[in-house]
PDB file of N, CA and C in Angstrom:
ATOM      1  N   MET A   1      -6.697 -13.278 -13.284  1.00  0.00           N
ATOM      2  CA  MET A   1      -8.130 -12.903 -13.541  1.00  0.00           C
ATOM      3  C   MET A   1      -8.468 -13.251 -15.000  1.00  0.00           C
ATOM      4  N   LEU A   2      -7.658 -12.764 -16.007  1.00  0.00           N
ATOM      5  CA  LEU A   2      -8.025 -13.018 -17.409  1.00  0.00           C
ATOM      6  C   LEU A   2      -7.882 -14.477 -17.768  1.00  0.00           C
ATOM      7  N   ARG A   3      -6.952 -15.194 -17.079  1.00  0.00           N
ATOM      8  CA  ARG A   3      -6.832 -16.701 -17.364  1.00  0.00           C
ATOM      9  C   ARG A   3      -8.101 -17.434 -17.003  1.00  0.00           C
ATOM     10  N   GLY A   4      -8.761 -17.027 -16.113  1.00  0.00           N
ATOM     11  CA  GLY A   4      -9.890 -17.762 -15.530  1.00  0.00           C
ATOM     12  C   GLY A   4     -11.116 -17.570 -16.474  1.00  0.00           C
ATOM     13  N   GLY A   5     -10.987 -16.542 -17.468  1.00  0.00           N
ATOM     14  CA  GLY A   5     -12.108 -16.305 -18.386  1.00  0.00           C
ATOM     15  C   GLY A   5     -13.195 -15.440 -17.846  1.00  0.00           C
ATOM     16  N   ALA A   6     -13.031 -14.899 -16.619  1.00  0.00           N
ATOM     17  CA  ALA A   6     -13.992 -13.994 -16.086  1.00  0.00           C
ATOM     18  C   ALA A   6     -13.327 -12.705 -15.550  1.00  0.00           C
ATOM     19  N   ASN A   7     -13.976 -11.642 -15.743  1.00  0.00           N
ATOM     20  CA  ASN A   7     -13.513 -10.354 -15.208  1.00  0.00           C
ATOM     21  C   ASN A   7     -14.609  -9.371 -15.012  1.00  0.00           C
ATOM     22  N   ASP A   8     -14.396  -8.423 -14.254  1.00  0.00           N
ATOM     23  CA  ASP A   8     -15.402  -7.498 -14.139  1.00  0.00           C
ATOM     24  C   ASP A   8     -14.665  -6.111 -14.039  1.00  0.00           C
ATOM     25  N   VAL A   9     -13.731  -5.892 -14.948  1.00  0.00           N
ATOM     26  CA  VAL A   9     -12.932  -4.756 -14.941  1.00  0.00           C
ATOM     27  C   VAL A   9     -13.750  -3.449 -15.003  1.00  0.00           C
ATOM     28  N   GLY A  10     -14.760  -3.497 -15.929  1.00  0.00           N
ATOM     29  CA  GLY A  10     -15.564  -2.282 -16.093  1.00  0.00           C
ATOM     30  C   GLY A  10     -16.760  -2.151 -14.938  1.00  0.00           C
ATOM     31  N   GLY A  11     -16.863  -3.250 -14.155  1.00  0.00           N
ATOM     32  CA  GLY A  11     -18.023  -3.253 -13.264  1.00  0.00           C
ATOM     33  C   GLY A  11     -17.971  -2.215 -12.138  1.00  0.00           C
ATOM     34  N   THR A  12     -16.750  -1.715 -11.892  1.00  0.00           N
ATOM     35  CA  THR A  12     -16.580  -0.721 -10.853  1.00  0.00           C
ATOM     36  C   THR A  12     -16.568   0.638 -11.358  1.00  0.00           C
ATOM     37  N   LEU A  13     -16.844   0.945 -12.587  1.00  0.00           N
ATOM     38  CA  LEU A  13     -16.887   2.215 -13.089  1.00  0.00           C
ATOM     39  C   LEU A  13     -17.789   3.219 -12.454  1.00  0.00           C
ATOM     40  N   MET A  14     -18.837   2.734 -11.929  1.00  0.00           N
ATOM     41  CA  MET A  14     -19.832   3.605 -11.348  1.00  0.00           C
ATOM     42  C   MET A  14     -19.377   4.144  -9.991  1.00  0.00           C
ATOM     43  N   GLU A  15     -18.408   3.339  -9.343  1.00  0.00           N
ATOM     44  CA  GLU A  15     -17.866   3.772  -8.002  1.00  0.00           C
ATOM     45  C   GLU A  15     -16.528   4.296  -8.402  1.00  0.00           C
ATOM     46  N   GLU A  16     -16.436   5.652  -8.506  1.00  0.00           N
ATOM     47  CA  GLU A  16     -15.100   6.308  -9.014  1.00  0.00           C
ATOM     48  C   GLU A  16     -14.049   6.131  -8.039  1.00  0.00           C
ATOM     49  N   THR A  17     -14.333   5.988  -6.768  1.00  0.00           N
ATOM     50  CA  THR A  17     -13.094   5.841  -5.709  1.00  0.00           C
ATOM     51  C   THR A  17     -12.382   4.528  -6.068  1.00  0.00           C
ATOM     52  N   ILE A  18     -13.174   3.526  -6.397  1.00  0.00           N
ATOM     53  CA  ILE A  18     -12.535   2.230  -6.689  1.00  0.00           C
ATOM     54  C   ILE A  18     -11.771   2.269  -7.929  1.00  0.00           C
ATOM     55  N   SER A  19     -12.298   2.789  -8.952  1.00  0.00           N
ATOM     56  CA  SER A  19     -11.522   2.867 -10.219  1.00  0.00           C
ATOM     57  C   SER A  19     -10.248   3.801 -10.008  1.00  0.00           C
ATOM     58  N   ARG A  20     -10.297   4.792  -9.261  1.00  0.00           N
ATOM     59  CA  ARG A  20      -9.098   5.551  -8.987  1.00  0.00           C
ATOM     60  C   ARG A  20      -8.134   4.746  -8.177  1.00  0.00           C
ATOM     61  N   MET A  21      -8.538   3.878  -7.268  1.00  0.00           N
ATOM     62  CA  MET A  21      -7.698   3.157  -6.514  1.00  0.00           C
ATOM     63  C   MET A  21      -6.977   1.971  -7.280  1.00  0.00           C
ATOM     64  N   ALA A  22      -7.555   1.588  -8.372  1.00  0.00           N
ATOM     65  CA  ALA A  22      -6.972   0.607  -9.279  1.00  0.00           C
ATOM     66  C   ALA A  22      -5.549   0.914  -9.667  1.00  0.00           C
ATOM     67  N   VAL A  23      -4.641   0.009  -9.547  1.00  0.00           N
ATOM     68  CA  VAL A  23      -3.167   0.299  -9.801  1.00  0.00           C
ATOM     69  C   VAL A  23      -2.946  -0.080 -11.312  1.00  0.00           C
ATOM     70  N   ARG A  24      -3.489  -1.130 -11.760  1.00  0.00           N
ATOM     71  CA  ARG A  24      -3.204  -1.634 -13.051  1.00  0.00           C
ATOM     72  C   ARG A  24      -4.205  -1.330 -14.069  1.00  0.00           C
ATOM     73  N   THR A  25      -3.729  -1.123 -15.387  1.00  0.00           N
ATOM     74  CA  THR A  25      -4.591  -0.762 -16.470  1.00  0.00           C
ATOM     75  C   THR A  25      -4.941  -2.201 -17.201  1.00  0.00           C
ATOM     76  N   VAL A  26      -5.907  -2.229 -18.076  1.00  0.00           N
ATOM     77  CA  VAL A  26      -6.223  -3.287 -18.829  1.00  0.00           C
ATOM     78  C   VAL A  26      -5.036  -3.766 -19.641  1.00  0.00           C
ATOM     79  N   ALA A  27      -4.292  -2.864 -20.210  1.00  0.00           N
ATOM     80  CA  ALA A  27      -3.106  -3.288 -20.969  1.00  0.00           C
ATOM     81  C   ALA A  27      -2.009  -3.973 -20.073  1.00  0.00           C
ATOM     82  N   GLU A  28      -1.874  -3.498 -18.883  1.00  0.00           N
ATOM     83  CA  GLU A  28      -0.910  -4.115 -18.019  1.00  0.00           C
ATOM     84  C   GLU A  28      -1.394  -5.536 -17.583  1.00  0.00           C
ATOM     85  N   LEU A  29      -2.724  -5.762 -17.370  1.00  0.00           N
ATOM     86  CA  LEU A  29      -3.226  -7.046 -17.012  1.00  0.00           C
ATOM     87  C   LEU A  29      -3.129  -7.944 -18.195  1.00  0.00           C
ATOM     88  N   GLU A  30      -3.344  -7.446 -19.495  1.00  0.00           N
ATOM     89  CA  GLU A  30      -3.156  -8.329 -20.649  1.00  0.00           C
ATOM     90  C   GLU A  30      -1.689  -8.854 -20.665  1.00  0.00           C
ATOM     91  N   ARG A  31      -0.711  -7.872 -20.532  1.00  0.00           N
ATOM     92  CA  ARG A  31       0.699  -8.308 -20.605  1.00  0.00           C
ATOM     93  C   ARG A  31       1.024  -9.256 -19.501  1.00  0.00           C
ATOM     94  N   LEU A  32       0.587  -9.058 -18.342  1.00  0.00           N
ATOM     95  CA  LEU A  32       0.880  -9.936 -17.171  1.00  0.00           C
ATOM     96  C   LEU A  32       0.290 -11.344 -17.385  1.00  0.00           C
ATOM     97  N   ALA A  33      -0.970 -11.512 -18.004  1.00  0.00           N
ATOM     98  CA  ALA A  33      -1.596 -12.603 -18.243  1.00  0.00           C
ATOM     99  C   ALA A  33      -1.123 -13.346 -19.519  1.00  0.00           C
ATOM    100  N   ASP A  34      -0.315 -12.528 -20.414  1.00  0.00           N
ATOM    101  CA  ASP A  34       0.049 -12.946 -21.727  1.00  0.00           C
ATOM    102  C   ASP A  34      -1.134 -13.496 -22.550  1.00  0.00           C
ATOM    103  N   ARG A  35      -2.295 -12.698 -22.437  1.00  0.00           N
ATOM    104  CA  ARG A  35      -3.487 -12.868 -23.161  1.00  0.00           C
ATOM    105  C   ARG A  35      -4.079 -11.531 -23.515  1.00  0.00           C
ATOM    106  N   LEU A  36      -4.938 -11.535 -24.496  1.00  0.00           N
ATOM    107  CA  LEU A  36      -5.627 -10.314 -24.891  1.00  0.00           C
ATOM    108  C   LEU A  36      -7.054 -10.352 -24.366  1.00  0.00           C
ATOM    109  N   ALA A  37      -7.457  -9.125 -23.941  1.00  0.00           N
ATOM    110  CA  ALA A  37      -8.868  -8.948 -23.389  1.00  0.00           C
ATOM    111  C   ALA A  37      -9.798  -8.818 -24.625  1.00  0.00           C
ATOM    112  N   TRP A  38     -10.906  -9.374 -24.510  1.00  0.00           N
ATOM    113  CA  TRP A  38     -11.906  -9.356 -25.548  1.00  0.00           C
ATOM    114  C   TRP A  38     -13.187  -8.675 -24.913  1.00  0.00           C
ATOM    115  N   GLN A  39     -13.826  -7.753 -25.705  1.00  0.00           N
ATOM    116  CA  GLN A  39     -15.080  -7.211 -25.330  1.00  0.00           C
ATOM    117  C   GLN A  39     -16.116  -8.287 -25.586  1.00  0.00           C
ATOM    118  N   ARG A  40     -17.019  -8.561 -24.643  1.00  0.00           N
ATOM    119  CA  ARG A  40     -18.068  -9.632 -24.715  1.00  0.00           C
ATOM    120  C   ARG A  40     -19.526  -9.070 -24.547  1.00  0.00           C
ATOM    121  N   THR A  41     -20.388  -9.723 -25.058  1.00  0.00           N
ATOM    122  CA  THR A  41     -21.825  -9.362 -24.876  1.00  0.00           C
ATOM    123  C   THR A  41     -22.199  -9.921 -23.530  1.00  0.00           C
ATOM    124  N   THR A  42     -23.480  -9.701 -23.074  1.00  0.00           N
ATOM    125  CA  THR A  42     -23.942 -10.188 -21.883  1.00  0.00           C
ATOM    126  C   THR A  42     -24.051 -11.655 -21.730  1.00  0.00           C
ATOM    127  N   THR A  43     -24.050 -12.315 -22.901  1.00  0.00           N
ATOM    128  CA  THR A  43     -24.025 -13.789 -22.912  1.00  0.00           C
ATOM    129  C   THR A  43     -22.655 -14.359 -23.248  1.00  0.00           C
ATOM    130  N   TYR A  44     -21.593 -13.549 -23.098  1.00  0.00           N
ATOM    131  CA  TYR A  44     -20.213 -13.780 -23.211  1.00  0.00           C
ATOM    132  C   TYR A  44     -19.774 -14.188 -24.668  1.00  0.00           C
ATOM    133  N   SER A  45     -20.493 -13.848 -25.619  1.00  0.00           N
ATOM    134  CA  SER A  45     -20.070 -14.055 -27.006  1.00  0.00           C
ATOM    135  C   SER A  45     -19.094 -12.834 -27.333  1.00  0.00           C
ATOM    136  N   PRO A  46     -18.069 -13.126 -28.179  1.00  0.00           N
ATOM    137  CA  PRO A  46     -17.102 -11.952 -28.374  1.00  0.00           C
ATOM    138  C   PRO A  46     -17.805 -10.958 -29.331  1.00  0.00           C
ATOM    139  N   VAL A  47     -17.524  -9.664 -28.994  1.00  0.00           N
ATOM    140  CA  VAL A  47     -18.002  -8.664 -29.860  1.00  0.00           C
ATOM    141  C   VAL A  47     -17.016  -8.482 -31.012  1.00  0.00           C
ATOM    142  N   ARG A  48     -17.451  -8.397 -32.201  1.00  0.00           N
ATOM    143  CA  ARG A  48     -16.461  -8.411 -33.317  1.00  0.00           C
ATOM    144  C   ARG A  48     -16.539  -7.007 -33.947  1.00  0.00           C
TER     145      ARG A  48
END
């Protein structure tokens, strides 16, 4: 997911049941992908 440069990890926050069903945390996904997650704007520019 993170290697492709696209994710919607926060997109399911409104639907609590989906969030609770998620097994992995962002930190685990970062470790598995060997990459860091970056917060981005709506135009995908990094938030500094």
